[in-house]
């Protein structure tokens, strides 16, 4: 029987565990890993996450552990559900225990903070010599909605068509539509840059622009991203379409829904400094902040005015008033 492992049982990791448990008809064994003993004990005893006391319990067939060595034994599919800042460390930690071929499914919507590289590149570098396939699962989904079993759609991207077929079968059910694609490059950039778009939308709302202006300005920033990725980074135009969960779906959710990136931008727009906003957000992970700070490492941003000025502002090289001037025209 196939072994499916979820490394990281925060919001989204737990949501994937709950989804895979709900649809499992005995095709695979499911195990979750968390570092905190307190969380492991709670999940093992109550069969539900403390973040979701309202939700139904996951089945007794699911194993929960904090023993990394035992967790990684005989793994066929490994879902990495950790923050972008932790991925590099986690890959190095698990490397000694990867003794057989497996597929890594990343959930991170970001780029590597220090280098600007995609995490498929980072994974290949760190796990060089290991027999792995790589995929990314992403889209306009909130963990709570997946936990509660609402209808959602995601992209699964991988350069390996056989892996795409396997993962589509693994994740698909009547509540989760799967849109497989081999355009991994575009999907990795799309889900990272949408965080910046969400930040920007929050800033525009925070400074009090009407919804028509917000729509227009956000659309221009979206066009900047599409041109950058397609013209300079090897992306494909068709991936940047409204119907694609990793782009249109996630932008819709991130700009309209209650998301961390949008909330962060909104607080900036209301006049709070970066430092004040971080405190108000209680140091929650906001992937858009780390992404916008490092995108100058990818290319010369001067041709993309919204990205250029956002990057300079978050790096402390220009004032908020300059950014506001660009927004207000």
C-alpha atoms as a PDB file:
ATOM      1  CA  UNK A   1       0.000   0.000   0.000  1.00  0.00           C
ATOM      2  CA  UNK A   2       1.276   3.478  -0.892  1.00  0.00           C
ATOM      3  CA  UNK A   3       2.582   5.640   1.954  1.00  0.00           C
ATOM      4  CA  UNK A   4       1.433   9.290   1.914  1.00  0.00           C
ATOM      5  CA  UNK A   5       3.103  11.598   4.436  1.00  0.00           C
ATOM      6  CA  UNK A   6       2.237  15.199   5.406  1.00  0.00           C
ATOM      7  CA  UNK A   7       5.209  17.094   6.868  1.00  0.00           C
ATOM      8  CA  UNK A   8       3.841  20.096   8.729  1.00  0.00           C
ATOM      9  CA  UNK A   9       0.420  20.161  10.371  1.00  0.00           C
ATOM     10  CA  UNK A  10      -0.340  23.859  10.495  1.00  0.00           C
ATOM     11  CA  UNK A  11      -3.348  25.312   8.682  1.00  0.00           C
ATOM     12  CA  UNK A  12      -2.792  23.991   5.167  1.00  0.00           C
ATOM     13  CA  UNK A  13      -0.939  20.811   6.074  1.00  0.00           C
ATOM     14  CA  UNK A  14      -3.816  19.779   8.303  1.00  0.00           C
ATOM     15  CA  UNK A  15      -6.329  20.706   5.594  1.00  0.00           C
ATOM     16  CA  UNK A  16      -4.598  18.381   3.121  1.00  0.00           C
ATOM     17  CA  UNK A  17      -4.461  15.612   5.729  1.00  0.00           C
ATOM     18  CA  UNK A  18      -8.186  16.041   6.368  1.00  0.00           C
ATOM     19  CA  UNK A  19      -8.971  16.001   2.640  1.00  0.00           C
ATOM     20  CA  UNK A  20      -6.884  12.908   1.917  1.00  0.00           C
ATOM     21  CA  UNK A  21      -8.305  11.092   4.935  1.00  0.00           C
ATOM     22  CA  UNK A  22     -11.882  11.930   3.904  1.00  0.00           C
ATOM     23  CA  UNK A  23     -11.444  10.493   0.394  1.00  0.00           C
ATOM     24  CA  UNK A  24      -9.290   7.479   1.286  1.00  0.00           C
ATOM     25  CA  UNK A  25     -10.930   4.175   0.398  1.00  0.00           C
ATOM     26  CA  UNK A  26      -8.032   2.067   1.590  1.00  0.00           C
ATOM     27  CA  UNK A  27      -5.717   2.990  -1.298  1.00  0.00           C
ATOM     28  CA  UNK A  28      -2.953   4.439   0.897  1.00  0.00           C
ATOM     29  CA  UNK A  29      -1.755   4.873   4.462  1.00  0.00           C
ATOM     30  CA  UNK A  30      -1.695   8.445   5.726  1.00  0.00           C
ATOM     31  CA  UNK A  31       0.734   9.859   8.311  1.00  0.00           C
ATOM     32  CA  UNK A  32       1.202  13.397   9.607  1.00  0.00           C
ATOM     33  CA  UNK A  33       4.308  14.883  11.208  1.00  0.00           C
ATOM     34  CA  UNK A  34       4.525  17.849  13.587  1.00  0.00           C
ATOM     35  CA  UNK A  35       7.514  19.036  15.625  1.00  0.00           C
ATOM     36  CA  UNK A  36       5.577  20.177  18.673  1.00  0.00           C
ATOM     37  CA  UNK A  37       4.826  17.357  21.093  1.00  0.00           C
ATOM     38  CA  UNK A  38       1.850  19.327  22.408  1.00  0.00           C
ATOM     39  CA  UNK A  39       0.232  19.354  18.967  1.00  0.00           C
ATOM     40  CA  UNK A  40       1.020  15.683  18.334  1.00  0.00           C
ATOM     41  CA  UNK A  41      -0.591  14.742  21.652  1.00  0.00           C
ATOM     42  CA  UNK A  42      -3.678  16.866  20.940  1.00  0.00           C
ATOM     43  CA  UNK A  43      -4.168  15.440  17.446  1.00  0.00           C
ATOM     44  CA  UNK A  44      -3.613  11.886  18.622  1.00  0.00           C
ATOM     45  CA  UNK A  45      -6.101  12.246  21.477  1.00  0.00           C
ATOM     46  CA  UNK A  46      -8.850  14.400  19.944  1.00  0.00           C
ATOM     47  CA  UNK A  47      -8.436  13.520  16.214  1.00  0.00           C
ATOM     48  CA  UNK A  48      -8.969  17.161  15.238  1.00  0.00           C
ATOM     49  CA  UNK A  49      -6.802  20.275  15.102  1.00  0.00           C
ATOM     50  CA  UNK A  50      -7.098  22.914  17.856  1.00  0.00           C
ATOM     51  CA  UNK A  51      -7.534  25.492  15.073  1.00  0.00           C
ATOM     52  CA  UNK A  52     -10.708  23.693  13.969  1.00  0.00           C
ATOM     53  CA  UNK A  53     -12.647  22.595  17.049  1.00  0.00           C
ATOM     54  CA  UNK A  54     -15.880  22.769  15.010  1.00  0.00           C
ATOM     55  CA  UNK A  55     -14.715  20.253  12.390  1.00  0.00           C
ATOM     56  CA  UNK A  56     -15.364  16.536  12.276  1.00  0.00           C
ATOM     57  CA  UNK A  57     -12.596  14.236  13.497  1.00  0.00           C
ATOM     58  CA  UNK A  58     -10.145  12.570  11.150  1.00  0.00           C
ATOM     59  CA  UNK A  59     -10.173   8.777  11.157  1.00  0.00           C
ATOM     60  CA  UNK A  60      -8.279   6.490  13.501  1.00  0.00           C
ATOM     61  CA  UNK A  61      -6.406   5.127  10.478  1.00  0.00           C
ATOM     62  CA  UNK A  62      -4.280   8.304  10.330  1.00  0.00           C
ATOM     63  CA  UNK A  63      -0.998   8.173  12.229  1.00  0.00           C
ATOM     64  CA  UNK A  64       0.465  11.288  13.901  1.00  0.00           C
ATOM     65  CA  UNK A  65       4.106  11.455  14.990  1.00  0.00           C
ATOM     66  CA  UNK A  66       6.988  13.728  15.952  1.00  0.00           C
ATOM     67  CA  UNK A  67       9.630  11.096  15.116  1.00  0.00           C
ATOM     68  CA  UNK A  68      11.109  12.251  11.805  1.00  0.00           C
ATOM     69  CA  UNK A  69      13.133   9.095  11.196  1.00  0.00           C
ATOM     70  CA  UNK A  70      10.133   6.805  11.554  1.00  0.00           C
ATOM     71  CA  UNK A  71       7.901   9.230   9.688  1.00  0.00           C
ATOM     72  CA  UNK A  72      10.054   9.194   6.537  1.00  0.00           C
ATOM     73  CA  UNK A  73      10.422   5.406   6.280  1.00  0.00           C
ATOM     74  CA  UNK A  74       9.026   3.889   3.063  1.00  0.00           C
ATOM     75  CA  UNK A  75       7.538   7.193   1.884  1.00  0.00           C
ATOM     76  CA  UNK A  76       6.006   7.273  -1.603  1.00  0.00           C
ATOM     77  CA  UNK A  77       4.455  10.766  -1.533  1.00  0.00           C
ATOM     78  CA  UNK A  78       5.729  13.513   0.782  1.00  0.00           C
ATOM     79  CA  UNK A  79       3.691  16.707   1.118  1.00  0.00           C
ATOM     80  CA  UNK A  80       5.814  19.627   2.346  1.00  0.00           C
ATOM     81  CA  UNK A  81       3.448  21.957   4.180  1.00  0.00           C
ATOM     82  CA  UNK A  82       5.858  24.402   5.834  1.00  0.00           C
ATOM     83  CA  UNK A  83       6.528  28.114   5.406  1.00  0.00           C
ATOM     84  CA  UNK A  84       8.928  29.248   2.677  1.00  0.00           C
ATOM     85  CA  UNK A  85      11.487  30.308   5.283  1.00  0.00           C
ATOM     86  CA  UNK A  86      11.613  26.734   6.588  1.00  0.00           C
ATOM     87  CA  UNK A  87      11.777  24.780   3.312  1.00  0.00           C
ATOM     88  CA  UNK A  88      15.566  24.901   2.893  1.00  0.00           C
ATOM     89  CA  UNK A  89      16.194  23.723   6.450  1.00  0.00           C
ATOM     90  CA  UNK A  90      13.569  20.990   6.195  1.00  0.00           C
ATOM     91  CA  UNK A  91      15.037  19.652   2.939  1.00  0.00           C
ATOM     92  CA  UNK A  92      18.462  19.421   4.557  1.00  0.00           C
ATOM     93  CA  UNK A  93      16.983  17.719   7.625  1.00  0.00           C
ATOM     94  CA  UNK A  94      15.163  15.024   5.655  1.00  0.00           C
ATOM     95  CA  UNK A  95      17.929  14.352   3.124  1.00  0.00           C
ATOM     96  CA  UNK A  96      19.738  11.634   5.129  1.00  0.00           C
ATOM     97  CA  UNK A  97      16.512   9.643   5.495  1.00  0.00           C
ATOM     98  CA  UNK A  98      15.470   9.566   1.820  1.00  0.00           C
ATOM     99  CA  UNK A  99      16.565   6.087   0.780  1.00  0.00           C
ATOM    100  CA  UNK A 100      14.018   5.256  -1.952  1.00  0.00           C
ATOM    101  CA  UNK A 101      12.374   7.003  -4.875  1.00  0.00           C
ATOM    102  CA  UNK A 102       9.574   9.346  -3.822  1.00  0.00           C
ATOM    103  CA  UNK A 103       7.550  12.325  -4.987  1.00  0.00           C
ATOM    104  CA  UNK A 104       7.743  15.615  -3.092  1.00  0.00           C
ATOM    105  CA  UNK A 105       4.610  17.766  -3.297  1.00  0.00           C
ATOM    106  CA  UNK A 106       5.347  21.310  -2.166  1.00  0.00           C
ATOM    107  CA  UNK A 107       2.633  23.710  -1.004  1.00  0.00           C
ATOM    108  CA  UNK A 108       4.750  26.862  -0.636  1.00  0.00           C
ATOM    109  CA  UNK A 109       3.556  29.953  -2.520  1.00  0.00           C
ATOM    110  CA  UNK A 110       6.841  31.816  -2.546  1.00  0.00           C
ATOM    111  CA  UNK A 111      10.378  32.020  -3.898  1.00  0.00           C
ATOM    112  CA  UNK A 112      13.590  31.357  -1.984  1.00  0.00           C
ATOM    113  CA  UNK A 113      14.250  34.506   0.051  1.00  0.00           C
ATOM    114  CA  UNK A 114      18.027  34.638  -0.304  1.00  0.00           C
ATOM    115  CA  UNK A 115      18.390  33.789  -3.999  1.00  0.00           C
ATOM    116  CA  UNK A 116      15.021  34.344  -5.675  1.00  0.00           C
ATOM    117  CA  UNK A 117      15.151  30.803  -7.035  1.00  0.00           C
ATOM    118  CA  UNK A 118      12.067  28.653  -7.456  1.00  0.00           C
ATOM    119  CA  UNK A 119      11.703  25.911  -4.870  1.00  0.00           C
ATOM    120  CA  UNK A 120      11.871  23.214  -7.532  1.00  0.00           C
ATOM    121  CA  UNK A 121      15.412  24.473  -8.194  1.00  0.00           C
ATOM    122  CA  UNK A 122      16.249  24.611  -4.488  1.00  0.00           C
ATOM    123  CA  UNK A 123      14.915  21.080  -3.981  1.00  0.00           C
ATOM    124  CA  UNK A 124      17.017  19.729  -6.862  1.00  0.00           C
ATOM    125  CA  UNK A 125      20.131  21.392  -5.460  1.00  0.00           C
ATOM    126  CA  UNK A 126      19.674  20.328  -1.837  1.00  0.00           C
ATOM    127  CA  UNK A 127      18.569  16.768  -2.658  1.00  0.00           C
ATOM    128  CA  UNK A 128      21.080  16.212  -5.447  1.00  0.00           C
ATOM    129  CA  UNK A 129      21.721  12.514  -5.860  1.00  0.00           C
ATOM    130  CA  UNK A 130      18.381  11.491  -4.338  1.00  0.00           C
ATOM    131  CA  UNK A 131      15.711   9.803  -6.446  1.00  0.00           C
ATOM    132  CA  UNK A 132      12.896  12.319  -6.292  1.00  0.00           C
ATOM    133  CA  UNK A 133      10.158  13.769  -8.448  1.00  0.00           C
ATOM    134  CA  UNK A 134       8.837  17.246  -7.678  1.00  0.00           C
ATOM    135  CA  UNK A 135       5.369  18.768  -7.865  1.00  0.00           C
ATOM    136  CA  UNK A 136       3.580  21.857  -6.587  1.00  0.00           C
ATOM    137  CA  UNK A 137      -0.053  21.995  -5.479  1.00  0.00           C
ATOM    138  CA  UNK A 138      -1.538  25.485  -5.386  1.00  0.00           C
ATOM    139  CA  UNK A 139      -4.654  27.518  -6.097  1.00  0.00           C
ATOM    140  CA  UNK A 140      -7.267  29.840  -4.676  1.00  0.00           C
ATOM    141  CA  UNK A 141      -7.994  27.801  -1.578  1.00  0.00           C
ATOM    142  CA  UNK A 142      -8.350  28.582   2.106  1.00  0.00           C
ATOM    143  CA  UNK A 143      -7.410  25.846   4.544  1.00  0.00           C
ATOM    144  CA  UNK A 144     -10.678  26.226   6.452  1.00  0.00           C
ATOM    145  CA  UNK A 145     -12.725  25.629   3.310  1.00  0.00           C
ATOM    146  CA  UNK A 146     -10.788  22.436   2.544  1.00  0.00           C
ATOM    147  CA  UNK A 147     -11.186  21.211   6.119  1.00  0.00           C
ATOM    148  CA  UNK A 148     -14.942  21.800   5.892  1.00  0.00           C
ATOM    149  CA  UNK A 149     -15.222  20.039   2.531  1.00  0.00           C
ATOM    150  CA  UNK A 150     -16.375  22.922   0.340  1.00  0.00           C
ATOM    151  CA  UNK A 151     -15.847  22.681  -3.467  1.00  0.00           C
ATOM    152  CA  UNK A 152     -12.411  23.967  -4.492  1.00  0.00           C
ATOM    153  CA  UNK A 153      -9.974  23.782  -7.395  1.00  0.00           C
ATOM    154  CA  UNK A 154      -6.173  23.603  -7.536  1.00  0.00           C
ATOM    155  CA  UNK A 155      -3.364  23.250 -10.025  1.00  0.00           C
ATOM    156  CA  UNK A 156      -0.870  20.446  -9.644  1.00  0.00           C
ATOM    157  CA  UNK A 157       2.278  21.259 -11.603  1.00  0.00           C
ATOM    158  CA  UNK A 158       5.160  18.948 -12.429  1.00  0.00           C
ATOM    159  CA  UNK A 159       7.514  18.358 -15.313  1.00  0.00           C
ATOM    160  CA  UNK A 160       6.769  14.627 -15.079  1.00  0.00           C
ATOM    161  CA  UNK A 161       3.505  13.593 -16.785  1.00  0.00           C
ATOM    162  CA  UNK A 162       3.434  10.241 -14.990  1.00  0.00           C
ATOM    163  CA  UNK A 163       3.664  12.020 -11.638  1.00  0.00           C
ATOM    164  CA  UNK A 164       0.871  14.394 -12.696  1.00  0.00           C
ATOM    165  CA  UNK A 165      -1.370  11.437 -13.466  1.00  0.00           C
ATOM    166  CA  UNK A 166      -0.604   9.800 -10.111  1.00  0.00           C
ATOM    167  CA  UNK A 167      -1.178  12.980  -8.113  1.00  0.00           C
ATOM    168  CA  UNK A 168      -4.395  13.835  -9.930  1.00  0.00           C
ATOM    169  CA  UNK A 169      -5.731  10.434  -8.900  1.00  0.00           C
ATOM    170  CA  UNK A 170      -4.428  10.881  -5.344  1.00  0.00           C
ATOM    171  CA  UNK A 171      -5.957  14.326  -4.694  1.00  0.00           C
ATOM    172  CA  UNK A 172      -9.067  14.476  -6.889  1.00  0.00           C
ATOM    173  CA  UNK A 173     -12.570  13.978  -5.582  1.00  0.00           C
ATOM    174  CA  UNK A 174     -15.980  15.610  -6.031  1.00  0.00           C
ATOM    175  CA  UNK A 175     -14.949  18.425  -3.647  1.00  0.00           C
ATOM    176  CA  UNK A 176     -11.478  19.143  -5.069  1.00  0.00           C
ATOM    177  CA  UNK A 177     -11.043  19.649  -8.811  1.00  0.00           C
ATOM    178  CA  UNK A 178      -7.498  19.115 -10.104  1.00  0.00           C
ATOM    179  CA  UNK A 179      -6.024  21.012 -13.070  1.00  0.00           C
ATOM    180  CA  UNK A 180      -2.726  19.301 -13.936  1.00  0.00           C
ATOM    181  CA  UNK A 181      -0.040  21.154 -15.900  1.00  0.00           C
ATOM    182  CA  UNK A 182       3.552  20.589 -16.957  1.00  0.00           C
ATOM    183  CA  UNK A 183       4.202  24.357 -16.853  1.00  0.00           C
ATOM    184  CA  UNK A 184       5.868  24.216 -13.438  1.00  0.00           C
ATOM    185  CA  UNK A 185       7.875  27.404 -14.039  1.00  0.00           C
ATOM    186  CA  UNK A 186       4.804  29.580 -14.597  1.00  0.00           C
ATOM    187  CA  UNK A 187       2.874  28.068 -11.701  1.00  0.00           C
ATOM    188  CA  UNK A 188       5.742  28.618  -9.260  1.00  0.00           C
ATOM    189  CA  UNK A 189       6.033  32.267 -10.256  1.00  0.00           C
ATOM    190  CA  UNK A 190       2.260  32.799 -10.417  1.00  0.00           C
ATOM    191  CA  UNK A 191       1.583  31.624  -6.868  1.00  0.00           C
ATOM    192  CA  UNK A 192       4.517  33.659  -5.523  1.00  0.00           C
ATOM    193  CA  UNK A 193       3.677  36.888  -7.331  1.00  0.00           C
ATOM    194  CA  UNK A 194      -0.022  36.740  -6.502  1.00  0.00           C
ATOM    195  CA  UNK A 195       1.025  37.435  -2.897  1.00  0.00           C
ATOM    196  CA  UNK A 196       2.500  40.744  -4.060  1.00  0.00           C
ATOM    197  CA  UNK A 197      -0.695  41.556  -5.960  1.00  0.00           C
ATOM    198  CA  UNK A 198      -2.700  40.884  -2.782  1.00  0.00           C
ATOM    199  CA  UNK A 199      -0.404  43.167  -0.749  1.00  0.00           C
ATOM    200  CA  UNK A 200      -0.856  45.861  -3.370  1.00  0.00           C
ATOM    201  CA  UNK A 201      -4.649  45.499  -3.364  1.00  0.00           C
ATOM    202  CA  UNK A 202      -4.650  45.928   0.408  1.00  0.00           C
ATOM    203  CA  UNK A 203      -2.526  49.084   0.157  1.00  0.00           C
ATOM    204  CA  UNK A 204      -4.907  50.574  -2.424  1.00  0.00           C
ATOM    205  CA  UNK A 205      -7.905  49.845  -0.209  1.00  0.00           C
ATOM    206  CA  UNK A 206      -6.113  51.195   2.845  1.00  0.00           C
ATOM    207  CA  UNK A 207      -5.438  54.587   1.283  1.00  0.00           C
ATOM    208  CA  UNK A 208      -9.126  54.862   0.414  1.00  0.00           C
ATOM    209  CA  UNK A 209      -9.252  54.464  -3.347  1.00  0.00           C
ATOM    210  CA  UNK A 210     -12.678  53.524  -4.782  1.00  0.00           C
ATOM    211  CA  UNK A 211     -13.246  49.981  -6.007  1.00  0.00           C
ATOM    212  CA  UNK A 212     -13.119  51.011  -9.678  1.00  0.00           C
ATOM    213  CA  UNK A 213      -9.674  52.513  -9.210  1.00  0.00           C
ATOM    214  CA  UNK A 214      -8.540  49.491  -7.231  1.00  0.00           C
ATOM    215  CA  UNK A 215      -9.666  47.205 -10.043  1.00  0.00           C
ATOM    216  CA  UNK A 216      -7.861  49.257 -12.686  1.00  0.00           C
ATOM    217  CA  UNK A 217      -4.581  49.624 -10.770  1.00  0.00           C
ATOM    218  CA  UNK A 218      -4.452  45.990  -9.672  1.00  0.00           C
ATOM    219  CA  UNK A 219      -5.059  44.943 -13.278  1.00  0.00           C
ATOM    220  CA  UNK A 220      -2.052  46.992 -14.401  1.00  0.00           C
ATOM    221  CA  UNK A 221       0.124  45.350 -11.734  1.00  0.00           C
ATOM    222  CA  UNK A 222      -1.110  41.924 -12.873  1.00  0.00           C
ATOM    223  CA  UNK A 223      -0.073  42.815 -16.414  1.00  0.00           C
ATOM    224  CA  UNK A 224       3.399  43.742 -15.126  1.00  0.00           C
ATOM    225  CA  UNK A 225       3.754  40.294 -13.571  1.00  0.00           C
ATOM    226  CA  UNK A 226       2.566  38.450 -16.665  1.00  0.00           C
ATOM    227  CA  UNK A 227       4.973  40.360 -18.925  1.00  0.00           C
ATOM    228  CA  UNK A 228       7.875  39.742 -16.545  1.00  0.00           C
ATOM    229  CA  UNK A 229       7.328  35.993 -16.206  1.00  0.00           C
ATOM    230  CA  UNK A 230       6.494  35.283 -19.847  1.00  0.00           C
ATOM    231  CA  UNK A 231       9.089  37.568 -21.446  1.00  0.00           C
ATOM    232  CA  UNK A 232      12.011  37.030 -19.079  1.00  0.00           C
ATOM    233  CA  UNK A 233      11.531  33.974 -16.889  1.00  0.00           C
ATOM    234  CA  UNK A 234      10.351  31.259 -19.247  1.00  0.00           C
ATOM    235  CA  UNK A 235       6.651  31.279 -18.369  1.00  0.00           C
ATOM    236  CA  UNK A 236       3.727  30.576 -20.693  1.00  0.00           C
ATOM    237  CA  UNK A 237       0.900  33.004 -21.398  1.00  0.00           C
ATOM    238  CA  UNK A 238      -1.870  30.402 -21.117  1.00  0.00           C
ATOM    239  CA  UNK A 239      -1.007  29.669 -17.472  1.00  0.00           C
ATOM    240  CA  UNK A 240      -1.736  33.308 -16.601  1.00  0.00           C
ATOM    241  CA  UNK A 241      -5.446  33.060 -17.326  1.00  0.00           C
ATOM    242  CA  UNK A 242      -8.485  33.869 -15.215  1.00  0.00           C
ATOM    243  CA  UNK A 243      -9.709  30.270 -15.184  1.00  0.00           C
ATOM    244  CA  UNK A 244      -6.455  28.862 -13.787  1.00  0.00           C
ATOM    245  CA  UNK A 245      -6.608  28.300  -9.991  1.00  0.00           C
ATOM    246  CA  UNK A 246      -2.951  29.274  -9.485  1.00  0.00           C
ATOM    247  CA  UNK A 247      -3.495  32.715 -11.064  1.00  0.00           C
ATOM    248  CA  UNK A 248      -7.034  33.952 -11.639  1.00  0.00           C
ATOM    249  CA  UNK A 249      -8.486  31.882  -8.810  1.00  0.00           C
ATOM    250  CA  UNK A 250      -5.808  32.773  -6.289  1.00  0.00           C
ATOM    251  CA  UNK A 251      -5.740  36.475  -7.199  1.00  0.00           C
ATOM    252  CA  UNK A 252      -9.523  36.635  -6.810  1.00  0.00           C
ATOM    253  CA  UNK A 253      -9.322  34.984  -3.397  1.00  0.00           C
ATOM    254  CA  UNK A 254      -6.302  36.985  -2.238  1.00  0.00           C
ATOM    255  CA  UNK A 255      -7.638  40.383  -3.288  1.00  0.00           C
ATOM    256  CA  UNK A 256     -11.273  39.902  -2.276  1.00  0.00           C
ATOM    257  CA  UNK A 257     -11.053  37.464   0.628  1.00  0.00           C
ATOM    258  CA  UNK A 258      -9.643  37.926   4.113  1.00  0.00           C
ATOM    259  CA  UNK A 259      -5.992  37.011   3.618  1.00  0.00           C
ATOM    260  CA  UNK A 260      -2.791  37.881   5.471  1.00  0.00           C
ATOM    261  CA  UNK A 261      -1.183  39.591   2.483  1.00  0.00           C
ATOM    262  CA  UNK A 262      -4.179  41.825   1.888  1.00  0.00           C
ATOM    263  CA  UNK A 263      -4.491  42.632   5.595  1.00  0.00           C
ATOM    264  CA  UNK A 264      -0.807  43.570   5.747  1.00  0.00           C
ATOM    265  CA  UNK A 265      -1.167  45.893   2.760  1.00  0.00           C
ATOM    266  CA  UNK A 266      -4.334  47.442   4.161  1.00  0.00           C
ATOM    267  CA  UNK A 267      -2.591  48.360   7.423  1.00  0.00           C
ATOM    268  CA  UNK A 268       0.245  49.985   5.453  1.00  0.00           C
ATOM    269  CA  UNK A 269      -2.292  51.933   3.439  1.00  0.00           C
ATOM    270  CA  UNK A 270      -3.848  53.179   6.669  1.00  0.00           C
ATOM    271  CA  UNK A 271      -0.558  54.809   7.580  1.00  0.00           C
ATOM    272  CA  UNK A 272       1.222  52.230   9.716  1.00  0.00           C
ATOM    273  CA  UNK A 273       4.947  51.715   9.210  1.00  0.00           C
ATOM    274  CA  UNK A 274       6.366  48.337   8.201  1.00  0.00           C
ATOM    275  CA  UNK A 275       7.517  47.758  11.772  1.00  0.00           C
ATOM    276  CA  UNK A 276       4.118  48.693  13.241  1.00  0.00           C
ATOM    277  CA  UNK A 277       2.318  46.478  10.742  1.00  0.00           C
ATOM    278  CA  UNK A 278       4.472  43.472  11.599  1.00  0.00           C
ATOM    279  CA  UNK A 279       3.575  43.934  15.260  1.00  0.00           C
ATOM    280  CA  UNK A 280      -0.119  44.361  14.479  1.00  0.00           C
ATOM    281  CA  UNK A 281       0.002  41.139  12.452  1.00  0.00           C
ATOM    282  CA  UNK A 282       1.526  39.432  15.516  1.00  0.00           C
ATOM    283  CA  UNK A 283       4.467  38.208  13.426  1.00  0.00           C
ATOM    284  CA  UNK A 284       2.269  35.920  11.308  1.00  0.00           C
ATOM    285  CA  UNK A 285       3.863  34.572   8.141  1.00  0.00           C
ATOM    286  CA  UNK A 286       3.089  36.949   5.263  1.00  0.00           C
ATOM    287  CA  UNK A 287       4.749  35.410   2.205  1.00  0.00           C
ATOM    288  CA  UNK A 288       4.204  38.480   0.031  1.00  0.00           C
ATOM    289  CA  UNK A 289       6.539  40.573   2.177  1.00  0.00           C
ATOM    290  CA  UNK A 290       9.545  38.291   1.746  1.00  0.00           C
ATOM    291  CA  UNK A 291       8.770  37.859  -1.960  1.00  0.00           C
ATOM    292  CA  UNK A 292       8.473  41.550  -2.782  1.00  0.00           C
ATOM    293  CA  UNK A 293      11.733  42.272  -0.945  1.00  0.00           C
ATOM    294  CA  UNK A 294      13.781  39.956  -3.151  1.00  0.00           C
ATOM    295  CA  UNK A 295      12.285  40.215  -6.649  1.00  0.00           C
ATOM    296  CA  UNK A 296      15.040  42.640  -7.725  1.00  0.00           C
ATOM    297  CA  UNK A 297      17.335  39.596  -7.609  1.00  0.00           C
ATOM    298  CA  UNK A 298      15.374  38.024 -10.466  1.00  0.00           C
ATOM    299  CA  UNK A 299      15.566  40.797 -13.066  1.00  0.00           C
ATOM    300  CA  UNK A 300      15.833  44.539 -13.657  1.00  0.00           C
ATOM    301  CA  UNK A 301      12.460  45.842 -12.460  1.00  0.00           C
ATOM    302  CA  UNK A 302      12.589  49.308 -14.039  1.00  0.00           C
ATOM    303  CA  UNK A 303      10.370  48.166 -16.908  1.00  0.00           C
ATOM    304  CA  UNK A 304       7.685  47.156 -14.415  1.00  0.00           C
ATOM    305  CA  UNK A 305       6.798  50.329 -12.465  1.00  0.00           C
ATOM    306  CA  UNK A 306       4.467  48.862  -9.854  1.00  0.00           C
ATOM    307  CA  UNK A 307       6.814  46.001  -8.978  1.00  0.00           C
ATOM    308  CA  UNK A 308       9.802  48.356  -9.080  1.00  0.00           C
ATOM    309  CA  UNK A 309       8.383  50.833  -6.575  1.00  0.00           C
ATOM    310  CA  UNK A 310       6.879  48.171  -4.294  1.00  0.00           C
ATOM    311  CA  UNK A 311      10.271  46.469  -4.120  1.00  0.00           C
ATOM    312  CA  UNK A 312      12.046  49.739  -3.311  1.00  0.00           C
ATOM    313  CA  UNK A 313       9.520  50.634  -0.617  1.00  0.00           C
ATOM    314  CA  UNK A 314       9.716  47.283   1.168  1.00  0.00           C
ATOM    315  CA  UNK A 315      13.517  47.449   1.041  1.00  0.00           C
ATOM    316  CA  UNK A 316      13.454  50.918   2.621  1.00  0.00           C
ATOM    317  CA  UNK A 317      14.753  52.703  -0.490  1.00  0.00           C
ATOM    318  CA  UNK A 318      11.766  54.964  -1.057  1.00  0.00           C
ATOM    319  CA  UNK A 319       8.917  56.459   0.932  1.00  0.00           C
ATOM    320  CA  UNK A 320       5.283  55.411   1.097  1.00  0.00           C
ATOM    321  CA  UNK A 321       4.321  58.798  -0.328  1.00  0.00           C
ATOM    322  CA  UNK A 322       6.192  57.947  -3.553  1.00  0.00           C
ATOM    323  CA  UNK A 323       4.274  54.696  -3.796  1.00  0.00           C
ATOM    324  CA  UNK A 324       1.030  56.555  -3.135  1.00  0.00           C
ATOM    325  CA  UNK A 325       1.820  58.996  -5.958  1.00  0.00           C
ATOM    326  CA  UNK A 326       2.139  56.107  -8.404  1.00  0.00           C
ATOM    327  CA  UNK A 327      -1.153  54.625  -7.224  1.00  0.00           C
ATOM    328  CA  UNK A 328      -3.059  57.907  -7.473  1.00  0.00           C
ATOM    329  CA  UNK A 329      -1.488  58.842 -10.788  1.00  0.00           C
END
